[in-house]
Amino acid sequence: MIGICICWVAILKANIVHNGVTYEVKIDREAEHPLQVWDRKSKVDESLRRAYHPWALQVVDVDGDDVEEIAVGLTKATKRLAKPHRTLFIMRFDGHQIVRKWAGSTMGRPLIEFCFSPKQAQKPQLLFTLERKPDGDIALSGHRWTGFGFQKVGRERHWKHASGLNTSRNHLSLIADNRDITFDWKELL
């Protein structure tokens, strides 16, 4: 599966596999609890609040244990930052319920976008973010799961403007300062 972060549509969907069963993960922005897991036509569980304004969804394996998690981009106030801002939650699904694994406040700087590297058997997927620096520039940062949260890895890149993070099997791409930019994975770590 290619690691594409799904963003900016009314209903976001992805598939998650738990114990050999494929479920549909859905974000319905109009629902009272917008994060939902479905088994065919039956809702298994729902989570989060509509007031969290979900904006991105990706199914990932952050710790490389071949158990998929749900990465959700939200816009909400958090304990450490009282005004609404973009943040990232990592959720687990155990076949019956959705459980919060990690609730980020920020990634150290204001989060703009995120996307994970492609899935590889028994290897953790890396998180890539676009974050706003204090000087207004945009930084592309790589992060590895530590068991409690994410730690920055590799060298950052900086631009005046950047958006459109996307991953493929061999590359990470984005639009930065009005140019299409592509990195091989080896260049990023």
N, C-alpha and C. Protein backbone atom coordinates (compact mmCIF):
# COMPACT_ATOMS: atom_id res chain seq x y z
N MET A 1 0.84 -1.18 0.00
CA MET A 1 0.00 0.00 0.00
C MET A 1 0.89 1.24 0.00
N ILE A 2 0.56 2.19 -0.80
CA ILE A 2 1.29 3.45 -0.88
C ILE A 2 0.75 4.38 0.19
N GLY A 3 1.62 5.12 0.85
CA GLY A 3 1.25 5.97 1.98
C GLY A 3 0.72 7.30 1.55
N ILE A 4 -0.51 7.37 1.21
CA ILE A 4 -1.10 8.63 0.80
C ILE A 4 -1.96 9.16 1.93
N CYS A 5 -1.72 10.39 2.30
CA CYS A 5 -2.53 11.04 3.32
C CYS A 5 -3.75 11.61 2.64
N ILE A 6 -4.92 11.21 3.08
CA ILE A 6 -6.15 11.64 2.46
C ILE A 6 -6.65 12.88 3.19
N CYS A 7 -6.81 13.97 2.47
CA CYS A 7 -7.16 15.24 3.10
C CYS A 7 -8.21 16.00 2.28
N TRP A 8 -8.95 16.88 2.94
CA TRP A 8 -9.77 17.91 2.33
C TRP A 8 -11.02 17.45 1.59
N VAL A 9 -11.63 16.35 1.94
CA VAL A 9 -12.92 15.98 1.38
C VAL A 9 -13.90 15.80 2.53
N ALA A 10 -15.19 15.78 2.25
CA ALA A 10 -16.20 15.73 3.30
C ALA A 10 -16.14 14.43 4.10
N ILE A 11 -15.96 13.30 3.42
CA ILE A 11 -15.83 12.01 4.11
C ILE A 11 -14.51 11.40 3.68
N LEU A 12 -13.67 11.10 4.66
CA LEU A 12 -12.37 10.47 4.41
C LEU A 12 -12.50 8.98 4.70
N LYS A 13 -11.86 8.13 3.89
CA LYS A 13 -11.96 6.68 4.09
C LYS A 13 -10.60 6.02 3.89
N ALA A 14 -10.37 4.94 4.63
CA ALA A 14 -9.20 4.09 4.46
C ALA A 14 -9.55 2.72 5.03
N ASN A 15 -8.78 1.71 4.69
CA ASN A 15 -8.99 0.37 5.23
C ASN A 15 -7.94 0.06 6.27
N ILE A 16 -8.37 -0.65 7.32
CA ILE A 16 -7.47 -1.14 8.35
C ILE A 16 -7.72 -2.63 8.51
N VAL A 17 -6.64 -3.39 8.71
CA VAL A 17 -6.76 -4.84 8.90
C VAL A 17 -6.42 -5.16 10.34
N HIS A 18 -7.32 -5.90 11.00
CA HIS A 18 -7.08 -6.37 12.37
C HIS A 18 -7.38 -7.86 12.41
N ASN A 19 -6.40 -8.66 12.81
CA ASN A 19 -6.54 -10.12 12.88
C ASN A 19 -7.10 -10.71 11.59
N GLY A 20 -6.61 -10.23 10.44
CA GLY A 20 -7.01 -10.75 9.15
C GLY A 20 -8.34 -10.24 8.62
N VAL A 21 -9.03 -9.41 9.38
CA VAL A 21 -10.31 -8.85 8.94
C VAL A 21 -10.09 -7.41 8.50
N THR A 22 -10.63 -7.07 7.33
CA THR A 22 -10.50 -5.70 6.81
C THR A 22 -11.72 -4.89 7.22
N TYR A 23 -11.47 -3.76 7.86
CA TYR A 23 -12.50 -2.83 8.28
C TYR A 23 -12.32 -1.53 7.52
N GLU A 24 -13.39 -0.77 7.39
CA GLU A 24 -13.30 0.55 6.78
C GLU A 24 -13.22 1.60 7.89
N VAL A 25 -12.20 2.44 7.82
CA VAL A 25 -12.08 3.57 8.73
C VAL A 25 -12.62 4.77 7.97
N LYS A 26 -13.46 5.52 8.65
CA LYS A 26 -14.11 6.64 7.98
C LYS A 26 -14.10 7.86 8.90
N ILE A 27 -13.88 9.02 8.32
CA ILE A 27 -14.10 10.26 9.03
C ILE A 27 -15.26 10.95 8.34
N ASP A 28 -16.35 11.09 9.07
CA ASP A 28 -17.54 11.80 8.59
C ASP A 28 -17.61 13.10 9.38
N ARG A 29 -17.23 14.18 8.78
CA ARG A 29 -17.14 15.47 9.48
C ARG A 29 -18.47 15.98 10.01
N GLU A 30 -19.57 15.45 9.49
CA GLU A 30 -20.89 15.89 9.94
C GLU A 30 -21.40 15.07 11.13
N ALA A 31 -20.78 13.94 11.41
CA ALA A 31 -21.24 13.06 12.49
C ALA A 31 -20.82 13.62 13.85
N GLU A 32 -21.60 13.30 14.88
CA GLU A 32 -21.26 13.72 16.24
C GLU A 32 -19.89 13.18 16.65
N HIS A 33 -19.61 11.92 16.29
CA HIS A 33 -18.31 11.28 16.53
C HIS A 33 -17.75 10.92 15.16
N PRO A 34 -16.92 11.78 14.58
CA PRO A 34 -16.54 11.64 13.17
C PRO A 34 -15.62 10.47 12.83
N LEU A 35 -14.79 9.99 13.76
CA LEU A 35 -13.92 8.84 13.46
C LEU A 35 -14.73 7.57 13.70
N GLN A 36 -14.89 6.79 12.64
CA GLN A 36 -15.73 5.59 12.71
C GLN A 36 -15.01 4.41 12.06
N VAL A 37 -15.25 3.21 12.62
CA VAL A 37 -14.76 1.98 12.03
C VAL A 37 -15.98 1.12 11.70
N TRP A 38 -16.02 0.63 10.46
CA TRP A 38 -17.15 -0.15 9.96
C TRP A 38 -16.70 -1.53 9.53
N ASP A 39 -17.55 -2.53 9.79
CA ASP A 39 -17.40 -3.89 9.28
C ASP A 39 -18.54 -4.08 8.30
N ARG A 40 -18.23 -3.96 7.05
CA ARG A 40 -19.23 -3.95 5.97
C ARG A 40 -20.24 -2.83 6.21
N LYS A 41 -21.47 -3.16 6.57
CA LYS A 41 -22.50 -2.11 6.76
C LYS A 41 -22.80 -1.82 8.23
N SER A 42 -22.02 -2.42 9.14
CA SER A 42 -22.24 -2.22 10.58
C SER A 42 -21.13 -1.36 11.18
N LYS A 43 -21.53 -0.33 11.93
CA LYS A 43 -20.54 0.48 12.62
C LYS A 43 -20.07 -0.28 13.84
N VAL A 44 -18.74 -0.47 13.95
CA VAL A 44 -18.15 -1.21 15.07
C VAL A 44 -17.91 -0.26 16.24
N ASP A 45 -17.34 0.92 15.95
CA ASP A 45 -17.09 1.90 17.01
C ASP A 45 -16.94 3.28 16.38
N GLU A 46 -17.03 4.28 17.25
CA GLU A 46 -16.84 5.67 16.81
C GLU A 46 -16.10 6.42 17.91
N SER A 47 -15.42 7.50 17.51
CA SER A 47 -14.60 8.21 18.47
C SER A 47 -14.44 9.66 18.03
N LEU A 48 -13.80 10.43 18.89
CA LEU A 48 -13.52 11.86 18.70
C LEU A 48 -14.81 12.68 18.67
N ARG A 49 -14.65 13.98 18.65
CA ARG A 49 -15.80 14.89 18.62
C ARG A 49 -15.78 15.71 17.35
N ARG A 50 -16.96 16.05 16.86
CA ARG A 50 -17.06 16.89 15.66
C ARG A 50 -16.30 18.19 15.85
N ALA A 51 -16.30 18.73 17.08
CA ALA A 51 -15.63 19.99 17.38
C ALA A 51 -14.11 19.91 17.18
N TYR A 52 -13.55 18.70 17.01
CA TYR A 52 -12.11 18.53 16.77
C TYR A 52 -11.74 18.81 15.32
N HIS A 53 -12.72 18.95 14.45
CA HIS A 53 -12.52 19.30 13.04
C HIS A 53 -11.44 18.44 12.36
N PRO A 54 -11.70 17.14 12.19
CA PRO A 54 -10.70 16.28 11.53
C PRO A 54 -10.47 16.71 10.09
N TRP A 55 -9.22 16.68 9.65
CA TRP A 55 -8.88 17.13 8.30
C TRP A 55 -7.99 16.14 7.54
N ALA A 56 -7.49 15.11 8.18
CA ALA A 56 -6.65 14.13 7.47
C ALA A 56 -6.76 12.76 8.13
N LEU A 57 -6.55 11.72 7.33
CA LEU A 57 -6.66 10.33 7.79
C LEU A 57 -5.64 9.48 7.05
N GLN A 58 -4.92 8.63 7.80
CA GLN A 58 -4.04 7.65 7.18
C GLN A 58 -3.92 6.46 8.12
N VAL A 59 -3.96 5.25 7.55
CA VAL A 59 -3.74 4.03 8.33
C VAL A 59 -2.26 3.70 8.21
N VAL A 60 -1.60 3.50 9.36
CA VAL A 60 -0.14 3.36 9.41
C VAL A 60 0.27 2.31 10.44
N ASP A 61 1.54 1.94 10.42
CA ASP A 61 2.13 1.09 11.45
C ASP A 61 3.32 1.86 12.03
N VAL A 62 3.08 2.63 13.09
CA VAL A 62 4.12 3.52 13.62
C VAL A 62 5.25 2.79 14.33
N ASP A 63 4.99 1.60 14.88
CA ASP A 63 6.03 0.92 15.65
C ASP A 63 6.58 -0.35 14.99
N GLY A 64 6.14 -0.66 13.79
CA GLY A 64 6.71 -1.79 13.06
C GLY A 64 6.33 -3.16 13.57
N ASP A 65 5.22 -3.25 14.30
CA ASP A 65 4.79 -4.54 14.85
C ASP A 65 3.75 -5.23 13.96
N ASP A 66 3.53 -4.70 12.76
CA ASP A 66 2.54 -5.20 11.80
C ASP A 66 1.11 -5.09 12.32
N VAL A 67 0.88 -4.22 13.31
CA VAL A 67 -0.47 -3.88 13.77
C VAL A 67 -0.71 -2.44 13.36
N GLU A 68 -1.73 -2.23 12.54
CA GLU A 68 -1.99 -0.90 12.00
C GLU A 68 -2.65 0.02 13.01
N GLU A 69 -2.29 1.29 12.94
CA GLU A 69 -2.91 2.35 13.73
C GLU A 69 -3.58 3.33 12.79
N ILE A 70 -4.38 4.22 13.38
CA ILE A 70 -5.09 5.24 12.62
C ILE A 70 -4.48 6.59 12.98
N ALA A 71 -3.95 7.30 11.98
CA ALA A 71 -3.42 8.65 12.18
C ALA A 71 -4.50 9.63 11.73
N VAL A 72 -4.85 10.56 12.62
CA VAL A 72 -5.91 11.53 12.32
C VAL A 72 -5.38 12.93 12.56
N GLY A 73 -5.51 13.79 11.57
CA GLY A 73 -5.19 15.20 11.73
C GLY A 73 -6.43 15.93 12.23
N LEU A 74 -6.26 16.73 13.28
CA LEU A 74 -7.38 17.44 13.91
C LEU A 74 -7.01 18.92 14.07
N THR A 75 -8.03 19.74 14.23
CA THR A 75 -7.83 21.14 14.61
C THR A 75 -8.57 21.34 15.91
N LYS A 76 -7.81 21.49 17.00
CA LYS A 76 -8.43 21.61 18.32
C LYS A 76 -7.47 22.25 19.30
N ALA A 77 -8.00 22.75 20.37
CA ALA A 77 -7.17 23.21 21.48
C ALA A 77 -6.69 21.97 22.24
N THR A 78 -5.50 22.08 22.84
CA THR A 78 -4.97 20.97 23.63
C THR A 78 -4.52 21.50 24.99
N LYS A 79 -4.11 20.58 25.84
CA LYS A 79 -3.69 20.93 27.20
C LYS A 79 -2.57 21.97 27.18
N ARG A 80 -1.63 21.82 26.26
CA ARG A 80 -0.47 22.70 26.23
C ARG A 80 -0.66 23.96 25.38
N LEU A 81 -1.68 23.99 24.53
CA LEU A 81 -1.93 25.13 23.66
C LEU A 81 -3.43 25.38 23.63
N ALA A 82 -3.87 26.48 24.26
CA ALA A 82 -5.29 26.71 24.51
C ALA A 82 -6.10 27.10 23.27
N LYS A 83 -5.48 27.66 22.24
CA LYS A 83 -6.28 28.03 21.06
C LYS A 83 -6.24 26.90 20.04
N PRO A 84 -7.31 26.74 19.25
CA PRO A 84 -7.35 25.65 18.26
C PRO A 84 -6.17 25.73 17.29
N HIS A 85 -5.58 24.58 17.02
CA HIS A 85 -4.45 24.47 16.11
C HIS A 85 -4.44 23.05 15.53
N ARG A 86 -3.70 22.86 14.47
CA ARG A 86 -3.60 21.54 13.86
C ARG A 86 -2.73 20.63 14.72
N THR A 87 -3.22 19.42 14.91
CA THR A 87 -2.51 18.45 15.72
C THR A 87 -2.72 17.06 15.13
N LEU A 88 -2.02 16.09 15.66
CA LEU A 88 -2.06 14.72 15.17
C LEU A 88 -2.38 13.78 16.32
N PHE A 89 -3.33 12.88 16.10
CA PHE A 89 -3.64 11.82 17.05
C PHE A 89 -3.31 10.48 16.37
N ILE A 90 -2.79 9.55 17.16
CA ILE A 90 -2.61 8.17 16.70
C ILE A 90 -3.56 7.32 17.53
N MET A 91 -4.43 6.57 16.85
CA MET A 91 -5.45 5.75 17.50
C MET A 91 -5.20 4.27 17.17
N ARG A 92 -5.54 3.39 18.11
CA ARG A 92 -5.48 1.94 17.89
C ARG A 92 -6.90 1.43 17.70
N PHE A 93 -7.05 0.35 16.96
CA PHE A 93 -8.33 -0.34 16.84
C PHE A 93 -8.07 -1.80 17.15
N ASP A 94 -8.77 -2.33 18.17
CA ASP A 94 -8.51 -3.71 18.63
C ASP A 94 -9.52 -4.73 18.10
N GLY A 95 -10.30 -4.33 17.10
CA GLY A 95 -11.33 -5.22 16.56
C GLY A 95 -12.69 -4.93 17.14
N HIS A 96 -12.74 -4.17 18.25
CA HIS A 96 -14.00 -3.84 18.92
C HIS A 96 -14.13 -2.34 19.19
N GLN A 97 -13.01 -1.71 19.56
CA GLN A 97 -13.09 -0.30 19.92
C GLN A 97 -11.85 0.46 19.47
N ILE A 98 -12.04 1.78 19.34
CA ILE A 98 -10.97 2.70 19.00
C ILE A 98 -10.42 3.25 20.30
N VAL A 99 -9.09 3.18 20.47
CA VAL A 99 -8.44 3.64 21.69
C VAL A 99 -7.33 4.61 21.32
N ARG A 100 -7.22 5.69 22.06
CA ARG A 100 -6.17 6.68 21.81
C ARG A 100 -4.81 6.11 22.21
N LYS A 101 -3.86 6.13 21.28
CA LYS A 101 -2.49 5.67 21.54
C LYS A 101 -1.60 6.87 21.85
N TRP A 102 -1.80 7.97 21.11
CA TRP A 102 -0.98 9.17 21.32
C TRP A 102 -1.77 10.38 20.83
N ALA A 103 -1.76 11.42 21.65
CA ALA A 103 -2.44 12.66 21.29
C ALA A 103 -1.42 13.78 21.32
N GLY A 104 -0.94 14.18 20.16
CA GLY A 104 0.06 15.23 20.08
C GLY A 104 -0.53 16.59 20.36
N SER A 105 0.27 17.47 20.90
CA SER A 105 -0.14 18.85 21.06
C SER A 105 0.30 19.62 19.82
N THR A 106 1.58 19.63 19.57
CA THR A 106 2.15 20.12 18.32
C THR A 106 3.31 19.20 18.01
N MET A 107 3.98 19.43 16.93
CA MET A 107 5.18 18.66 16.61
C MET A 107 6.41 19.47 16.98
N GLY A 108 6.26 20.36 17.95
CA GLY A 108 7.32 21.27 18.35
C GLY A 108 7.11 22.65 17.75
N ARG A 109 6.46 22.68 16.60
CA ARG A 109 6.09 23.92 15.91
C ARG A 109 4.72 23.71 15.30
N PRO A 110 4.05 24.77 14.88
CA PRO A 110 2.71 24.61 14.30
C PRO A 110 2.72 23.64 13.10
N LEU A 111 1.85 22.63 13.18
CA LEU A 111 1.72 21.60 12.15
C LEU A 111 0.88 22.14 11.00
N ILE A 112 1.34 21.88 9.77
CA ILE A 112 0.59 22.26 8.58
C ILE A 112 0.01 21.02 7.92
N GLU A 113 0.87 20.02 7.63
CA GLU A 113 0.46 18.77 7.00
C GLU A 113 1.31 17.63 7.56
N PHE A 114 0.82 16.40 7.38
CA PHE A 114 1.62 15.23 7.71
C PHE A 114 1.37 14.14 6.70
N CYS A 115 2.29 13.21 6.61
CA CYS A 115 2.15 12.03 5.78
C CYS A 115 3.17 11.01 6.26
N PHE A 116 2.84 9.73 6.18
CA PHE A 116 3.74 8.67 6.61
C PHE A 116 4.39 8.00 5.41
N SER A 117 5.58 7.46 5.63
CA SER A 117 6.28 6.68 4.60
C SER A 117 5.48 5.42 4.29
N PRO A 118 5.76 4.77 3.16
CA PRO A 118 5.04 3.54 2.82
C PRO A 118 5.28 2.43 3.83
N LYS A 119 4.31 1.54 3.92
CA LYS A 119 4.39 0.40 4.85
C LYS A 119 5.35 -0.65 4.31
N GLN A 120 6.20 -1.15 5.21
CA GLN A 120 7.09 -2.28 4.92
C GLN A 120 6.95 -3.25 6.09
N ALA A 121 6.94 -4.53 5.79
CA ALA A 121 6.76 -5.54 6.84
C ALA A 121 7.78 -5.36 7.97
N GLN A 122 7.29 -5.34 9.19
CA GLN A 122 8.07 -5.28 10.43
C GLN A 122 9.03 -4.10 10.49
N LYS A 123 8.67 -3.01 9.83
CA LYS A 123 9.44 -1.76 9.93
C LYS A 123 8.47 -0.63 10.25
N PRO A 124 8.84 0.22 11.20
CA PRO A 124 7.96 1.35 11.51
C PRO A 124 7.89 2.33 10.34
N GLN A 125 6.72 2.87 10.14
CA GLN A 125 6.56 3.91 9.13
C GLN A 125 7.02 5.23 9.73
N LEU A 126 7.73 6.01 8.95
CA LEU A 126 8.21 7.30 9.40
C LEU A 126 7.17 8.37 9.13
N LEU A 127 7.09 9.32 10.03
CA LEU A 127 6.18 10.45 9.91
C LEU A 127 6.95 11.62 9.30
N PHE A 128 6.37 12.25 8.30
CA PHE A 128 6.92 13.47 7.73
C PHE A 128 5.91 14.59 7.90
N THR A 129 6.41 15.74 8.33
CA THR A 129 5.52 16.86 8.61
C THR A 129 6.03 18.11 7.91
N LEU A 130 5.08 18.98 7.61
CA LEU A 130 5.39 20.36 7.26
C LEU A 130 4.98 21.17 8.47
N GLU A 131 5.91 21.98 8.99
CA GLU A 131 5.67 22.77 10.20
C GLU A 131 6.11 24.21 9.95
N ARG A 132 5.40 25.16 10.56
CA ARG A 132 5.76 26.57 10.42
C ARG A 132 6.80 26.94 11.47
N LYS A 133 7.93 27.46 10.97
CA LYS A 133 9.00 27.91 11.86
C LYS A 133 8.67 29.30 12.40
N PRO A 134 9.30 29.73 13.49
CA PRO A 134 9.04 31.06 14.05
C PRO A 134 9.27 32.20 13.05
N ASP A 135 10.20 32.01 12.08
CA ASP A 135 10.45 33.06 11.09
C ASP A 135 9.44 33.05 9.94
N GLY A 136 8.47 32.11 9.98
CA GLY A 136 7.43 32.03 8.96
C GLY A 136 7.72 31.03 7.86
N ASP A 137 8.98 30.59 7.72
CA ASP A 137 9.32 29.57 6.73
C ASP A 137 8.65 28.24 7.09
N ILE A 138 8.63 27.34 6.12
CA ILE A 138 8.05 26.01 6.33
C ILE A 138 9.20 24.99 6.36
N ALA A 139 9.17 24.10 7.35
CA ALA A 139 10.18 23.06 7.49
C ALA A 139 9.56 21.70 7.19
N LEU A 140 10.28 20.90 6.41
CA LEU A 140 9.95 19.49 6.22
C LEU A 140 10.80 18.72 7.22
N SER A 141 10.13 17.98 8.12
CA SER A 141 10.82 17.23 9.16
C SER A 141 10.41 15.76 9.11
N GLY A 142 11.36 14.88 9.43
CA GLY A 142 11.09 13.45 9.56
C GLY A 142 11.05 13.08 11.04
N HIS A 143 10.21 12.10 11.39
CA HIS A 143 10.04 11.69 12.78
C HIS A 143 9.92 10.17 12.85
N ARG A 144 10.48 9.59 13.92
CA ARG A 144 10.38 8.16 14.19
C ARG A 144 9.65 7.97 15.52
N TRP A 145 8.78 6.97 15.59
CA TRP A 145 8.03 6.64 16.82
C TRP A 145 9.01 6.12 17.87
N THR A 146 8.90 6.62 19.11
CA THR A 146 9.80 6.21 20.19
C THR A 146 9.14 5.28 21.19
N GLY A 147 7.85 5.05 21.05
CA GLY A 147 7.11 4.26 22.04
C GLY A 147 6.21 5.15 22.88
N PHE A 148 6.56 6.41 22.97
CA PHE A 148 5.74 7.37 23.71
C PHE A 148 5.29 8.52 22.81
N GLY A 149 6.05 8.82 21.82
CA GLY A 149 5.76 9.93 20.91
C GLY A 149 6.72 9.85 19.73
N PHE A 150 6.95 10.98 19.09
CA PHE A 150 7.81 11.02 17.91
C PHE A 150 9.06 11.83 18.19
N GLN A 151 10.18 11.38 17.62
CA GLN A 151 11.46 12.07 17.73
C GLN A 151 11.92 12.42 16.32
N LYS A 152 12.43 13.65 16.16
CA LYS A 152 12.91 14.08 14.84
C LYS A 152 14.14 13.29 14.44
N VAL A 153 14.19 12.95 13.14
CA VAL A 153 15.33 12.24 12.56
C VAL A 153 15.68 12.89 11.23
N GLY A 154 16.90 12.71 10.81
CA GLY A 154 17.31 13.23 9.51
C GLY A 154 17.50 14.73 9.51
N ARG A 155 17.75 15.26 8.35
CA ARG A 155 18.00 16.68 8.17
C ARG A 155 16.74 17.39 7.69
N GLU A 156 16.43 18.53 8.28
CA GLU A 156 15.28 19.32 7.84
C GLU A 156 15.59 20.06 6.54
N ARG A 157 14.52 20.32 5.80
CA ARG A 157 14.59 21.20 4.63
C ARG A 157 13.66 22.37 4.89
N HIS A 158 13.97 23.55 4.33
CA HIS A 158 13.20 24.77 4.61
C HIS A 158 12.87 25.51 3.32
N TRP A 159 11.64 26.06 3.28
CA TRP A 159 11.19 26.87 2.15
C TRP A 159 10.31 27.99 2.68
N LYS A 160 10.06 28.97 1.84
CA LYS A 160 9.11 30.05 2.17
C LYS A 160 7.68 29.52 2.16
N HIS A 161 7.35 28.67 1.19
CA HIS A 161 6.02 28.08 1.06
C HIS A 161 6.18 26.60 0.71
N ALA A 162 5.34 25.75 1.30
CA ALA A 162 5.37 24.32 0.97
C ALA A 162 4.03 23.70 1.31
N SER A 163 3.60 22.72 0.49
CA SER A 163 2.34 22.00 0.73
C SER A 163 2.33 20.75 -0.13
N GLY A 164 1.28 19.97 0.01
CA GLY A 164 1.06 18.82 -0.85
C GLY A 164 1.95 17.62 -0.59
N LEU A 165 2.23 17.32 0.68
CA LEU A 165 3.04 16.14 1.00
C LEU A 165 2.39 14.89 0.44
N ASN A 166 3.21 14.03 -0.16
CA ASN A 166 2.71 12.78 -0.71
C ASN A 166 3.86 11.78 -0.74
N THR A 167 3.57 10.52 -0.48
CA THR A 167 4.60 9.50 -0.50
C THR A 167 4.27 8.43 -1.53
N SER A 168 5.32 7.87 -2.11
CA SER A 168 5.20 6.70 -2.97
C SER A 168 6.20 5.67 -2.46
N ARG A 169 6.26 4.54 -3.10
CA ARG A 169 7.15 3.48 -2.65
C ARG A 169 8.61 3.94 -2.54
N ASN A 170 9.05 4.83 -3.42
CA ASN A 170 10.45 5.23 -3.46
C ASN A 170 10.71 6.70 -3.13
N HIS A 171 9.65 7.51 -3.04
CA HIS A 171 9.86 8.95 -2.94
C HIS A 171 8.88 9.64 -1.99
N LEU A 172 9.29 10.81 -1.55
CA LEU A 172 8.40 11.76 -0.90
C LEU A 172 8.39 12.99 -1.82
N SER A 173 7.19 13.51 -2.10
CA SER A 173 7.10 14.68 -2.97
C SER A 173 6.27 15.76 -2.30
N LEU A 174 6.47 16.99 -2.74
CA LEU A 174 5.71 18.14 -2.27
C LEU A 174 5.90 19.28 -3.26
N ILE A 175 5.15 20.33 -3.05
CA ILE A 175 5.32 21.56 -3.82
C ILE A 175 5.92 22.58 -2.87
N ALA A 176 7.08 23.12 -3.23
CA ALA A 176 7.76 24.08 -2.37
C ALA A 176 8.26 25.24 -3.22
N ASP A 177 7.92 26.44 -2.78
CA ASP A 177 8.31 27.66 -3.51
C ASP A 177 8.01 27.53 -5.01
N ASN A 178 6.77 27.06 -5.30
CA ASN A 178 6.25 26.93 -6.67
C ASN A 178 7.01 25.92 -7.54
N ARG A 179 7.65 24.94 -6.93
CA ARG A 179 8.35 23.89 -7.67
C ARG A 179 7.91 22.53 -7.14
N ASP A 180 7.81 21.57 -8.05
CA ASP A 180 7.59 20.18 -7.63
C ASP A 180 8.93 19.63 -7.16
N ILE A 181 8.95 19.12 -5.93
CA ILE A 181 10.19 18.61 -5.36
C ILE A 181 9.98 17.16 -4.96
N THR A 182 10.95 16.31 -5.29
CA THR A 182 10.89 14.89 -4.97
C THR A 182 12.19 14.47 -4.29
N PHE A 183 12.07 13.71 -3.21
CA PHE A 183 13.21 13.18 -2.48
C PHE A 183 13.17 11.65 -2.52
N ASP A 184 14.31 11.02 -2.76
CA ASP A 184 14.44 9.58 -2.50
C ASP A 184 14.47 9.42 -0.99
N TRP A 185 14.01 8.28 -0.50
CA TRP A 185 14.00 8.04 0.94
C TRP A 185 15.39 8.16 1.54
N LYS A 186 16.42 7.70 0.83
CA LYS A 186 17.79 7.77 1.35
C LYS A 186 18.23 9.20 1.59
N GLU A 187 17.72 10.15 0.82
CA GLU A 187 18.09 11.57 0.99
C GLU A 187 17.53 12.15 2.27
N LEU A 188 16.47 11.58 2.79
CA LEU A 188 15.76 12.16 3.92
C LEU A 188 16.28 11.68 5.26
N LEU A 189 16.98 10.56 5.30
CA LEU A 189 17.43 10.00 6.59
C LEU A 189 18.94 9.89 6.68
